[in-house]
C-alpha atoms as a PDB file:
ATOM      1  CA  MET A   1      99.707  19.061 104.643  1.00  0.00           C
ATOM      2  CA  ILE A   2     103.101  19.295 106.379  1.00  0.00           C
ATOM      3  CA  LYS A   3     105.022  16.014 106.264  1.00  0.00           C
ATOM      4  CA  VAL A   4     106.755  15.464 109.608  1.00  0.00           C
ATOM      5  CA  GLY A   5     109.498  13.232 110.965  1.00  0.00           C
ATOM      6  CA  ILE A   6     110.308  12.764 114.658  1.00  0.00           C
ATOM      7  CA  CYS A   7     113.715  11.518 115.793  1.00  0.00           C
ATOM      8  CA  GLY A   8     113.797  10.269 119.382  1.00  0.00           C
ATOM      9  CA  THR A   9     110.140   9.366 119.820  1.00  0.00           C
ATOM     10  CA  THR A  10     110.496   7.156 122.891  1.00  0.00           C
ATOM     11  CA  GLY A  11     111.577   9.931 125.258  1.00  0.00           C
ATOM     12  CA  TYR A  12     108.970  11.887 127.186  1.00  0.00           C
ATOM     13  CA  ALA A  13     109.237  14.977 124.972  1.00  0.00           C
ATOM     14  CA  GLY A  14     109.207  12.978 121.738  1.00  0.00           C
ATOM     15  CA  TYR A  15     106.179  10.973 122.810  1.00  0.00           C
ATOM     16  CA  GLU A  16     104.362  14.147 123.904  1.00  0.00           C
ATOM     17  CA  LEU A  17     105.148  15.702 120.527  1.00  0.00           C
ATOM     18  CA  LEU A  18     103.697  12.712 118.680  1.00  0.00           C
ATOM     19  CA  ARG A  19     100.533  12.866 120.818  1.00  0.00           C
ATOM     20  CA  TRP A  20      99.931  16.506 119.892  1.00  0.00           C
ATOM     21  CA  LEU A  21     100.888  16.150 116.232  1.00  0.00           C
ATOM     22  CA  THR A  22      98.451  13.295 115.670  1.00  0.00           C
ATOM     23  CA  ARG A  23      95.707  15.840 116.418  1.00  0.00           C
ATOM     24  CA  HIS A  24      97.226  18.618 114.318  1.00  0.00           C
ATOM     25  CA  PRO A  25      94.991  19.275 111.286  1.00  0.00           C
ATOM     26  CA  GLU A  26      97.910  20.257 109.005  1.00  0.00           C
ATOM     27  CA  ALA A  27     100.508  17.640 110.016  1.00  0.00           C
ATOM     28  CA  HIS A  28     101.113  14.121 108.722  1.00  0.00           C
ATOM     29  CA  ILE A  29     103.582  11.861 110.554  1.00  0.00           C
ATOM     30  CA  THR A  30     105.854  10.278 107.933  1.00  0.00           C
ATOM     31  CA  PHE A  31     108.368   8.541 110.197  1.00  0.00           C
ATOM     32  CA  THR A  32     109.469   8.170 113.818  1.00  0.00           C
ATOM     33  CA  THR A  33     112.821   6.905 115.086  1.00  0.00           C
ATOM     34  CA  SER A  34     114.365   5.398 118.198  1.00  0.00           C
ATOM     35  CA  GLU A  35     117.978   4.294 118.414  1.00  0.00           C
ATOM     36  CA  SER A  36     117.420   1.930 121.327  1.00  0.00           C
ATOM     37  CA  GLN A  37     114.112   0.463 120.130  1.00  0.00           C
ATOM     38  CA  ALA A  38     114.436   0.392 116.335  1.00  0.00           C
ATOM     39  CA  GLY A  39     112.440  -2.390 114.695  1.00  0.00           C
ATOM     40  CA  LYS A  40     109.693  -2.303 117.299  1.00  0.00           C
ATOM     41  CA  THR A  41     106.459  -0.355 117.314  1.00  0.00           C
ATOM     42  CA  LEU A  42     105.932   2.486 119.736  1.00  0.00           C
ATOM     43  CA  ALA A  43     103.203   0.683 121.687  1.00  0.00           C
ATOM     44  CA  GLU A  44     105.666  -2.094 122.532  1.00  0.00           C
ATOM     45  CA  VAL A  45     107.918   0.476 124.213  1.00  0.00           C
ATOM     46  CA  PHE A  46     105.500   3.106 125.500  1.00  0.00           C
ATOM     47  CA  PRO A  47     102.153   1.483 126.420  1.00  0.00           C
ATOM     48  CA  GLY A  48      99.301   3.445 124.899  1.00  0.00           C
ATOM     49  CA  PRO A  49      97.295   3.987 121.727  1.00  0.00           C
ATOM     50  CA  LEU A  50     100.153   5.358 119.589  1.00  0.00           C
ATOM     51  CA  ASP A  51     101.664   2.506 117.587  1.00  0.00           C
ATOM     52  CA  THR A  52     103.967   3.845 114.884  1.00  0.00           C
ATOM     53  CA  PRO A  53     106.932   1.834 113.556  1.00  0.00           C
ATOM     54  CA  LEU A  54     110.276   2.897 115.007  1.00  0.00           C
ATOM     55  CA  LEU A  55     113.142   3.269 112.553  1.00  0.00           C
ATOM     56  CA  ALA A  56     116.856   3.459 113.258  1.00  0.00           C
ATOM     57  CA  LEU A  57     118.147   7.008 112.955  1.00  0.00           C
ATOM     58  CA  ASP A  58     120.405   6.029 110.033  1.00  0.00           C
ATOM     59  CA  ASP A  59     117.314   4.859 108.128  1.00  0.00           C
ATOM     60  CA  ALA A  60     115.350   8.082 108.600  1.00  0.00           C
ATOM     61  CA  PRO A  61     114.151   9.312 105.161  1.00  0.00           C
ATOM     62  CA  PHE A  62     114.786  13.006 105.728  1.00  0.00           C
ATOM     63  CA  HIS A  63     114.226  13.759 102.037  1.00  0.00           C
ATOM     64  CA  GLU A  64     110.576  12.666 102.373  1.00  0.00           C
ATOM     65  CA  VAL A  65     109.536  15.235 104.989  1.00  0.00           C
ATOM     66  CA  ASP A  66     109.075  18.996 105.185  1.00  0.00           C
ATOM     67  CA  VAL A  67     110.295  19.276 108.777  1.00  0.00           C
ATOM     68  CA  VAL A  68     111.977  16.996 111.282  1.00  0.00           C
ATOM     69  CA  PHE A  69     111.853  17.373 115.051  1.00  0.00           C
ATOM     70  CA  LEU A  70     115.057  16.240 116.765  1.00  0.00           C
ATOM     71  CA  CYS A  71     114.351  14.995 120.296  1.00  0.00           C
ATOM     72  CA  LEU A  72     117.895  13.767 120.810  1.00  0.00           C
ATOM     73  CA  PRO A  73     120.673  14.407 123.365  1.00  0.00           C
ATOM     74  CA  HIS A  74     122.954  17.410 123.037  1.00  0.00           C
ATOM     75  CA  GLY A  75     126.170  16.587 121.245  1.00  0.00           C
ATOM     76  CA  VAL A  76     124.319  14.096 119.020  1.00  0.00           C
ATOM     77  CA  THR A  77     121.747  16.395 117.486  1.00  0.00           C
ATOM     78  CA  ALA A  78     123.973  18.852 115.627  1.00  0.00           C
ATOM     79  CA  GLN A  79     125.293  16.345 113.099  1.00  0.00           C
ATOM     80  CA  VAL A  80     121.820  14.874 112.568  1.00  0.00           C
ATOM     81  CA  ALA A  81     120.527  18.391 111.963  1.00  0.00           C
ATOM     82  CA  GLN A  82     123.228  18.864 109.318  1.00  0.00           C
ATOM     83  CA  ARG A  83     122.129  15.647 107.566  1.00  0.00           C
ATOM     84  CA  ALA A  84     118.508  16.770 107.578  1.00  0.00           C
ATOM     85  CA  LEU A  85     119.355  20.229 106.258  1.00  0.00           C
ATOM     86  CA  ASP A  86     121.479  18.681 103.505  1.00  0.00           C
ATOM     87  CA  ALA A  87     118.458  16.565 102.543  1.00  0.00           C
ATOM     88  CA  GLY A  88     116.411  19.735 102.094  1.00  0.00           C
ATOM     89  CA  THR A  89     114.172  19.476 105.145  1.00  0.00           C
ATOM     90  CA  ARG A  90     113.703  22.010 107.914  1.00  0.00           C
ATOM     91  CA  VAL A  91     114.693  21.244 111.497  1.00  0.00           C
ATOM     92  CA  ILE A  92     113.319  22.040 114.951  1.00  0.00           C
ATOM     93  CA  ASP A  93     115.805  20.905 117.573  1.00  0.00           C
ATOM     94  CA  PHE A  94     114.866  20.060 121.171  1.00  0.00           C
ATOM     95  CA  SER A  95     118.447  19.733 122.392  1.00  0.00           C
ATOM     96  CA  ALA A  96     120.856  22.413 123.607  1.00  0.00           C
ATOM     97  CA  ASP A  97     123.085  22.184 120.537  1.00  0.00           C
ATOM     98  CA  PHE A  98     121.799  25.358 118.891  1.00  0.00           C
ATOM     99  CA  ARG A  99     120.405  27.411 121.770  1.00  0.00           C
ATOM    100  CA  LEU A 100     123.672  29.216 122.459  1.00  0.00           C
ATOM    101  CA  THR A 101     124.886  31.590 119.791  1.00  0.00           C
ATOM    102  CA  SER A 102     128.574  30.694 119.732  1.00  0.00           C
ATOM    103  CA  ALA A 103     130.799  27.646 119.930  1.00  0.00           C
ATOM    104  CA  ALA A 104     132.661  29.275 122.816  1.00  0.00           C
ATOM    105  CA  ALA A 105     129.483  29.663 124.866  1.00  0.00           C
ATOM    106  CA  TYR A 106     128.537  26.060 124.092  1.00  0.00           C
ATOM    107  CA  HIS A 107     131.927  24.851 125.304  1.00  0.00           C
ATOM    108  CA  ARG A 108     131.642  26.986 128.437  1.00  0.00           C
ATOM    109  CA  TRP A 109     128.303  25.486 129.507  1.00  0.00           C
ATOM    110  CA  TYR A 110     128.495  21.956 128.044  1.00  0.00           C
ATOM    111  CA  ASP A 111     132.247  21.315 128.399  1.00  0.00           C
ATOM    112  CA  GLN A 112     132.672  19.970 124.867  1.00  0.00           C
ATOM    113  CA  ASP A 113     133.373  21.320 121.404  1.00  0.00           C
ATOM    114  CA  HIS A 114     130.396  22.174 119.250  1.00  0.00           C
ATOM    115  CA  PRO A 115     129.978  19.523 116.502  1.00  0.00           C
ATOM    116  CA  THR A 116     128.835  21.971 113.777  1.00  0.00           C
ATOM    117  CA  PRO A 117     129.900  25.511 114.700  1.00  0.00           C
ATOM    118  CA  GLU A 118     129.362  26.645 111.113  1.00  0.00           C
ATOM    119  CA  LEU A 119     125.593  26.403 111.659  1.00  0.00           C
ATOM    120  CA  LEU A 120     125.632  28.943 114.521  1.00  0.00           C
ATOM    121  CA  PRO A 121     123.872  31.184 115.356  1.00  0.00           C
ATOM    122  CA  VAL A 122     120.356  29.773 115.003  1.00  0.00           C
ATOM    123  CA  PRO A 123     116.998  31.503 115.656  1.00  0.00           C
ATOM    124  CA  TYR A 124     115.887  30.978 119.257  1.00  0.00           C
ATOM    125  CA  GLY A 125     112.404  29.496 119.206  1.00  0.00           C
ATOM    126  CA  LEU A 126     110.505  31.441 121.843  1.00  0.00           C
ATOM    127  CA  PRO A 127     107.788  32.913 119.589  1.00  0.00           C
ATOM    128  CA  GLU A 128     106.446  35.458 122.045  1.00  0.00           C
ATOM    129  CA  LEU A 129     109.874  37.096 122.206  1.00  0.00           C
ATOM    130  CA  ASN A 130     111.481  36.231 118.861  1.00  0.00           C
ATOM    131  CA  ARG A 131     108.677  35.648 116.357  1.00  0.00           C
ATOM    132  CA  ALA A 132     110.109  37.638 113.441  1.00  0.00           C
ATOM    133  CA  ALA A 133     113.283  35.513 113.315  1.00  0.00           C
ATOM    134  CA  LEU A 134     111.318  32.253 113.049  1.00  0.00           C
ATOM    135  CA  THR A 135     109.332  32.914 109.898  1.00  0.00           C
ATOM    136  CA  ASP A 136     110.693  30.777 107.048  1.00  0.00           C
ATOM    137  CA  ALA A 137     113.628  29.606 109.206  1.00  0.00           C
ATOM    138  CA  ARG A 138     115.433  26.438 108.113  1.00  0.00           C
ATOM    139  CA  LEU A 139     116.607  25.531 111.641  1.00  0.00           C
ATOM    140  CA  ILE A 140     115.083  26.576 114.976  1.00  0.00           C
ATOM    141  CA  ALA A 141     116.468  25.949 118.467  1.00  0.00           C
ATOM    142  CA  ASN A 142     113.565  24.997 120.726  1.00  0.00           C
ATOM    143  CA  PRO A 143     114.224  26.623 124.138  1.00  0.00           C
ATOM    144  CA  GLY A 144     114.843  24.755 127.356  1.00  0.00           C
ATOM    145  CA  CYS A 145     111.922  24.222 129.704  1.00  0.00           C
ATOM    146  CA  TYR A 146     113.295  26.276 132.596  1.00  0.00           C
ATOM    147  CA  PRO A 147     114.388  29.182 130.346  1.00  0.00           C
ATOM    148  CA  THR A 148     110.923  29.365 128.772  1.00  0.00           C
ATOM    149  CA  SER A 149     109.285  29.964 132.134  1.00  0.00           C
ATOM    150  CA  VAL A 150     111.977  32.402 133.281  1.00  0.00           C
ATOM    151  CA  LEU A 151     112.278  34.475 130.104  1.00  0.00           C
ATOM    152  CA  LEU A 152     108.533  34.916 129.737  1.00  0.00           C
ATOM    153  CA  GLY A 153     108.465  35.900 133.404  1.00  0.00           C
ATOM    154  CA  ILE A 154     111.083  38.661 133.127  1.00  0.00           C
ATOM    155  CA  ALA A 155     110.824  39.967 129.552  1.00  0.00           C
ATOM    156  CA  PRO A 156     108.444  42.900 130.207  1.00  0.00           C
ATOM    157  CA  VAL A 157     110.579  44.424 132.970  1.00  0.00           C
ATOM    158  CA  LEU A 158     113.815  43.813 131.061  1.00  0.00           C
ATOM    159  CA  ARG A 159     112.493  45.616 128.024  1.00  0.00           C
ATOM    160  CA  VAL A 160     111.455  48.726 129.929  1.00  0.00           C
ATOM    161  CA  GLY A 161     114.804  48.860 131.737  1.00  0.00           C
ATOM    162  CA  GLY A 162     115.753  50.875 134.779  1.00  0.00           C
ATOM    163  CA  LEU A 163     115.964  47.953 137.206  1.00  0.00           C
ATOM    164  CA  ALA A 164     117.426  48.739 140.601  1.00  0.00           C
ATOM    165  CA  ASP A 165     119.712  45.696 140.447  1.00  0.00           C
ATOM    166  CA  PRO A 166     120.498  43.543 137.388  1.00  0.00           C
ATOM    167  CA  THR A 167     120.835  40.396 139.525  1.00  0.00           C
ATOM    168  CA  MET A 168     117.726  38.218 139.552  1.00  0.00           C
ATOM    169  CA  ILE A 169     117.081  35.223 141.793  1.00  0.00           C
ATOM    170  CA  VAL A 170     115.107  32.332 140.333  1.00  0.00           C
ATOM    171  CA  ASP A 171     113.798  29.560 142.583  1.00  0.00           C
ATOM    172  CA  ALA A 172     112.411  26.947 140.173  1.00  0.00           C
ATOM    173  CA  LYS A 173     110.787  23.551 140.591  1.00  0.00           C
ATOM    174  CA  SER A 174     110.204  20.901 137.932  1.00  0.00           C
ATOM    175  CA  GLY A 175     108.298  17.648 137.672  1.00  0.00           C
ATOM    176  CA  VAL A 176     110.381  14.490 137.274  1.00  0.00           C
ATOM    177  CA  SER A 177     109.704  14.148 133.531  1.00  0.00           C
ATOM    178  CA  GLY A 178     112.016  17.135 133.084  1.00  0.00           C
ATOM    179  CA  ALA A 179     114.922  14.829 133.972  1.00  0.00           C
ATOM    180  CA  GLY A 180     114.201  12.600 130.974  1.00  0.00           C
ATOM    181  CA  ARG A 181     113.211   8.946 130.642  1.00  0.00           C
ATOM    182  CA  VAL A 182     116.652   7.368 131.150  1.00  0.00           C
ATOM    183  CA  PRO A 183     116.721   6.051 134.751  1.00  0.00           C
ATOM    184  CA  LYS A 184     118.963   7.850 137.243  1.00  0.00           C
ATOM    185  CA  GLN A 185     119.336   7.253 140.949  1.00  0.00           C
ATOM    186  CA  ASN A 186     117.878  10.621 141.930  1.00  0.00           C
ATOM    187  CA  THR A 187     114.759  10.062 139.791  1.00  0.00           C
ATOM    188  CA  HIS A 188     113.770   6.642 141.163  1.00  0.00           C
ATOM    189  CA  PHE A 189     110.363   6.634 142.865  1.00  0.00           C
ATOM    190  CA  VAL A 190     111.770   6.079 146.354  1.00  0.00           C
ATOM    191  CA  GLU A 191     114.213   8.980 145.933  1.00  0.00           C
ATOM    192  CA  VAL A 192     111.605  11.432 144.600  1.00  0.00           C
ATOM    193  CA  ASN A 193     108.433  10.516 146.456  1.00  0.00           C
ATOM    194  CA  GLU A 194     107.800  12.506 149.655  1.00  0.00           C
ATOM    195  CA  ASN A 195     110.861  14.626 148.896  1.00  0.00           C
ATOM    196  CA  LEU A 196     111.883  17.988 147.429  1.00  0.00           C
ATOM    197  CA  ALA A 197     115.501  18.150 146.294  1.00  0.00           C
ATOM    198  CA  PRO A 198     117.602  21.055 144.998  1.00  0.00           C
ATOM    199  CA  TYR A 199     120.325  20.428 142.426  1.00  0.00           C
ATOM    200  CA  ASN A 200     122.916  22.457 140.498  1.00  0.00           C
ATOM    201  CA  ILE A 201     122.078  25.599 142.450  1.00  0.00           C
ATOM    202  CA  GLY A 202     123.736  28.986 142.103  1.00  0.00           C
ATOM    203  CA  HIS A 203     125.237  29.808 138.720  1.00  0.00           C
ATOM    204  CA  VAL A 204     126.169  26.354 137.401  1.00  0.00           C
ATOM    205  CA  HIS A 205     123.057  24.825 135.817  1.00  0.00           C
ATOM    206  CA  ARG A 206     123.505  24.596 132.048  1.00  0.00           C
ATOM    207  CA  HIS A 207     120.304  26.504 131.391  1.00  0.00           C
ATOM    208  CA  VAL A 208     121.765  29.615 133.059  1.00  0.00           C
ATOM    209  CA  GLY A 209     123.869  30.399 129.984  1.00  0.00           C
ATOM    210  CA  GLU A 210     120.802  30.226 127.777  1.00  0.00           C
ATOM    211  CA  MET A 211     118.744  32.376 130.143  1.00  0.00           C
ATOM    212  CA  GLU A 212     121.401  35.069 130.471  1.00  0.00           C
ATOM    213  CA  GLN A 213     122.088  35.133 126.735  1.00  0.00           C
ATOM    214  CA  GLU A 214     118.435  35.739 125.856  1.00  0.00           C
ATOM    215  CA  ALA A 215     117.852  38.069 128.805  1.00  0.00           C
ATOM    216  CA  ALA A 216     120.755  40.225 127.592  1.00  0.00           C
ATOM    217  CA  ARG A 217     119.077  40.496 124.188  1.00  0.00           C
ATOM    218  CA  LEU A 218     115.888  41.706 125.813  1.00  0.00           C
ATOM    219  CA  ALA A 219     117.428  44.077 128.330  1.00  0.00           C
ATOM    220  CA  THR A 220     117.390  47.828 128.115  1.00  0.00           C
ATOM    221  CA  GLY A 221     120.405  48.723 130.222  1.00  0.00           C
ATOM    222  CA  SER A 222     122.638  46.296 132.104  1.00  0.00           C
ATOM    223  CA  ALA A 223     122.492  42.631 131.135  1.00  0.00           C
ATOM    224  CA  PRO A 224     121.077  40.629 134.045  1.00  0.00           C
ATOM    225  CA  GLN A 225     122.877  37.980 136.047  1.00  0.00           C
ATOM    226  CA  ILE A 226     120.641  35.087 137.048  1.00  0.00           C
ATOM    227  CA  ILE A 227     121.128  33.154 140.272  1.00  0.00           C
ATOM    228  CA  PHE A 228     119.277  29.918 139.629  1.00  0.00           C
ATOM    229  CA  SER A 229     118.121  27.282 142.132  1.00  0.00           C
ATOM    230  CA  PRO A 230     116.288  24.375 140.473  1.00  0.00           C
ATOM    231  CA  HIS A 231     114.476  21.683 142.483  1.00  0.00           C
ATOM    232  CA  LEU A 232     112.964  18.305 141.637  1.00  0.00           C
ATOM    233  CA  LEU A 233     109.269  18.066 142.497  1.00  0.00           C
ATOM    234  CA  PRO A 234     107.619  14.675 143.193  1.00  0.00           C
ATOM    235  CA  ILE A 235     105.091  15.160 140.351  1.00  0.00           C
ATOM    236  CA  ASN A 236     105.101  13.999 136.732  1.00  0.00           C
ATOM    237  CA  ARG A 237     105.084  17.331 134.913  1.00  0.00           C
ATOM    238  CA  GLY A 238     105.072  21.086 135.366  1.00  0.00           C
ATOM    239  CA  ILE A 239     107.461  23.930 136.171  1.00  0.00           C
ATOM    240  CA  LEU A 240     106.949  26.668 138.739  1.00  0.00           C
ATOM    241  CA  SER A 241     109.564  29.444 138.714  1.00  0.00           C
ATOM    242  CA  THR A 242     109.483  32.076 141.442  1.00  0.00           C
ATOM    243  CA  ILE A 243     111.528  35.053 140.266  1.00  0.00           C
ATOM    244  CA  TYR A 244     112.733  37.883 142.507  1.00  0.00           C
ATOM    245  CA  VAL A 245     113.499  41.169 140.737  1.00  0.00           C
ATOM    246  CA  ARG A 246     114.735  44.438 142.250  1.00  0.00           C
ATOM    247  CA  VAL A 247     112.762  47.253 140.620  1.00  0.00           C
ATOM    248  CA  PRO A 248     112.747  51.013 141.287  1.00  0.00           C
ATOM    249  CA  GLY A 249     111.108  51.881 144.580  1.00  0.00           C
ATOM    250  CA  ASP A 250     108.511  54.098 142.925  1.00  0.00           C
ATOM    251  CA  TRP A 251     107.147  51.336 140.696  1.00  0.00           C
ATOM    252  CA  THR A 252     103.641  50.394 141.784  1.00  0.00           C
ATOM    253  CA  GLU A 253     102.050  47.007 141.293  1.00  0.00           C
ATOM    254  CA  GLU A 254      99.561  48.632 138.928  1.00  0.00           C
ATOM    255  CA  TYR A 255     102.408  49.970 136.777  1.00  0.00           C
ATOM    256  CA  VAL A 256     104.165  46.608 136.716  1.00  0.00           C
ATOM    257  CA  ARG A 257     100.911  44.883 135.813  1.00  0.00           C
ATOM    258  CA  SER A 258     100.389  47.307 132.940  1.00  0.00           C
ATOM    259  CA  LEU A 259     103.794  46.331 131.516  1.00  0.00           C
ATOM    260  CA  TYR A 260     102.869  42.648 131.511  1.00  0.00           C
ATOM    261  CA  VAL A 261      99.361  43.145 130.181  1.00  0.00           C
ATOM    262  CA  GLU A 262     100.677  45.317 127.347  1.00  0.00           C
ATOM    263  CA  ALA A 263     103.381  42.754 126.511  1.00  0.00           C
ATOM    264  CA  TYR A 264     101.124  39.702 126.482  1.00  0.00           C
ATOM    265  CA  THR A 265      97.561  40.850 125.792  1.00  0.00           C
ATOM    266  CA  LYS A 266      97.743  39.544 122.204  1.00  0.00           C
ATOM    267  CA  GLU A 267      99.647  36.369 123.067  1.00  0.00           C
ATOM    268  CA  PRO A 268      97.335  33.340 123.040  1.00  0.00           C
ATOM    269  CA  PHE A 269      99.635  31.208 125.201  1.00  0.00           C
ATOM    270  CA  VAL A 270     100.562  33.644 127.970  1.00  0.00           C
ATOM    271  CA  ARG A 271      98.054  34.508 130.687  1.00  0.00           C
ATOM    272  CA  VAL A 272      98.692  37.297 133.188  1.00  0.00           C
ATOM    273  CA  LEU A 273      96.560  36.404 136.196  1.00  0.00           C
ATOM    274  CA  PRO A 274      94.387  38.992 137.978  1.00  0.00           C
ATOM    275  CA  ALA A 275      95.728  40.818 141.007  1.00  0.00           C
ATOM    276  CA  GLY A 276      95.624  38.656 144.124  1.00  0.00           C
ATOM    277  CA  GLN A 277      95.730  35.356 142.194  1.00  0.00           C
ATOM    278  CA  LEU A 278      98.943  33.292 142.246  1.00  0.00           C
ATOM    279  CA  ALA A 279     100.067  31.096 139.370  1.00  0.00           C
ATOM    280  CA  THR A 280     100.176  27.346 139.978  1.00  0.00           C
ATOM    281  CA  ILE A 281     101.072  24.312 137.902  1.00  0.00           C
ATOM    282  CA  ALA A 282      97.371  23.413 137.816  1.00  0.00           C
ATOM    283  CA  HIS A 283      96.791  26.530 135.681  1.00  0.00           C
ATOM    284  CA  VAL A 284      98.931  25.092 132.866  1.00  0.00           C
ATOM    285  CA  ALA A 285      99.281  21.283 133.135  1.00  0.00           C
ATOM    286  CA  HIS A 286      98.698  19.515 129.789  1.00  0.00           C
ATOM    287  CA  THR A 287      98.491  22.859 127.937  1.00  0.00           C
ATOM    288  CA  ASN A 288     100.791  25.124 125.929  1.00  0.00           C
ATOM    289  CA  GLN A 289     100.069  27.980 128.327  1.00  0.00           C
ATOM    290  CA  CYS A 290     102.302  30.058 130.560  1.00  0.00           C
ATOM    291  CA  ALA A 291     100.559  31.533 133.623  1.00  0.00           C
ATOM    292  CA  LEU A 292     102.118  34.573 135.301  1.00  0.00           C
ATOM    293  CA  SER A 293     101.315  36.186 138.640  1.00  0.00           C
ATOM    294  CA  LEU A 294     102.774  39.453 139.918  1.00  0.00           C
ATOM    295  CA  THR A 295     103.322  40.512 143.524  1.00  0.00           C
ATOM    296  CA  LEU A 296     105.048  43.668 144.739  1.00  0.00           C
ATOM    297  CA  ALA A 297     106.252  42.301 148.063  1.00  0.00           C
ATOM    298  CA  GLN A 298     107.472  45.704 149.216  1.00  0.00           C
ATOM    299  CA  PRO A 299     108.642  48.848 147.425  1.00  0.00           C
ATOM    300  CA  GLY A 300     111.415  47.751 145.101  1.00  0.00           C
ATOM    301  CA  THR A 301     110.864  43.976 145.238  1.00  0.00           C
ATOM    302  CA  LEU A 302     108.811  42.281 142.532  1.00  0.00           C
ATOM    303  CA  ILE A 303     107.979  38.573 142.756  1.00  0.00           C
ATOM    304  CA  VAL A 304     106.930  36.932 139.496  1.00  0.00           C
ATOM    305  CA  VAL A 305     105.584  33.384 139.547  1.00  0.00           C
ATOM    306  CA  SER A 306     105.759  31.777 136.104  1.00  0.00           C
ATOM    307  CA  CYS A 307     104.245  28.335 135.475  1.00  0.00           C
ATOM    308  CA  THR A 308     104.401  26.104 132.422  1.00  0.00           C
ATOM    309  CA  ASP A 309     104.065  22.433 131.553  1.00  0.00           C
ATOM    310  CA  ASN A 310     107.648  21.336 130.904  1.00  0.00           C
ATOM    311  CA  LEU A 311     106.560  18.773 128.287  1.00  0.00           C
ATOM    312  CA  VAL A 312     104.256  21.138 126.378  1.00  0.00           C
ATOM    313  CA  LYS A 313     105.164  24.840 126.500  1.00  0.00           C
ATOM    314  CA  GLY A 314     108.594  23.715 127.706  1.00  0.00           C
ATOM    315  CA  ALA A 315     109.086  21.258 124.835  1.00  0.00           C
ATOM    316  CA  ALA A 316     106.557  19.678 122.431  1.00  0.00           C
ATOM    317  CA  GLY A 317     103.874  22.368 122.349  1.00  0.00           C
ATOM    318  CA  GLN A 318     106.394  25.131 121.843  1.00  0.00           C
ATOM    319  CA  ALA A 319     108.003  23.127 119.036  1.00  0.00           C
ATOM    320  CA  ILE A 320     104.626  22.862 117.288  1.00  0.00           C
ATOM    321  CA  GLN A 321     104.100  26.585 117.858  1.00  0.00           C
ATOM    322  CA  ASN A 322     107.463  27.116 116.131  1.00  0.00           C
ATOM    323  CA  MET A 323     106.436  24.839 113.265  1.00  0.00           C
ATOM    324  CA  ASN A 324     103.236  26.828 112.811  1.00  0.00           C
ATOM    325  CA  VAL A 325     105.227  30.074 112.595  1.00  0.00           C
ATOM    326  CA  MET A 326     107.805  28.480 110.299  1.00  0.00           C
ATOM    327  CA  PHE A 327     105.149  27.378 107.791  1.00  0.00           C
ATOM    328  CA  GLY A 328     102.893  30.420 108.030  1.00  0.00           C
ATOM    329  CA  LEU A 329     100.020  28.728 109.886  1.00  0.00           C
ATOM    330  CA  ALA A 330      97.965  30.323 112.625  1.00  0.00           C
ATOM    331  CA  GLU A 331     100.147  29.963 115.709  1.00  0.00           C
ATOM    332  CA  THR A 332      97.427  28.223 117.706  1.00  0.00           C
ATOM    333  CA  THR A 333      96.832  25.481 115.102  1.00  0.00           C
ATOM    334  CA  GLY A 334      96.703  22.090 116.805  1.00  0.00           C
ATOM    335  CA  LEU A 335      97.435  23.521 120.243  1.00  0.00           C
ATOM    336  CA  PHE A 336      93.961  23.951 121.761  1.00  0.00           C
END
């Protein structure tokens, strides 16, 4: 049995993680924390059946667990990760603190110094694309929700190389839970309901650095530049990324489909939809799945639609998938 701690349980991702782990046959929850709600039980804060005691982060007994999940803000997590590692436990981090491979890249995208640069680089926890690096890892960086959908959507064509243009355009939409549980003006019901709002469009969203870093690792040939336009959807959960890729004019849809089928046929959490069927959030909501659809709009223009649940494959489910790899369990354990 894997003894587990969760830091930051009262956020959407932390709560989702606890929900899934309570059903995991090889996991035992040893402690949960919340800085703002310490001393209460979870049901007092998050109405529902889960009712674990909430400890202050400083009281977390890291030495009593095999792995701790850090569902904390960037800039805070790195030092907590160091404490956990010093206590001999393994760490799976939900924040951005370890997703970028250098302190310089972190400063570029997050406009602050990295708290523990000596821990970089860290294995990037997207199992379908980086599985070998995760086995027996002490610290794993759980990917961002948008990058998960985008990287799974473009990996097969990046690996084969020969793209007509390395610039990719990503039009992505996320449910409101992706913005976190802390109230903000643009996430109030009246602001979101009956609305669709873009934000941080172009090449400025913090997830762009993460996407381009990992895309460059995958690419045969020129590293891609990603033009990214995220939008806030008036739904609770789910991400739909529509990705436009310039491919050689002689690539047929059948050839492109063969690349994706070959890449993902053995992946239990990635589904390449049949020709003529378009991916939707309904394909993946409340699951650890990624659904992909492929359309050759005209010779040389490929449109990939990639859908995930931002709280599961984009956060908690992927973290459990990483834990399973880390401890040598079947990757699907506790995720169906």
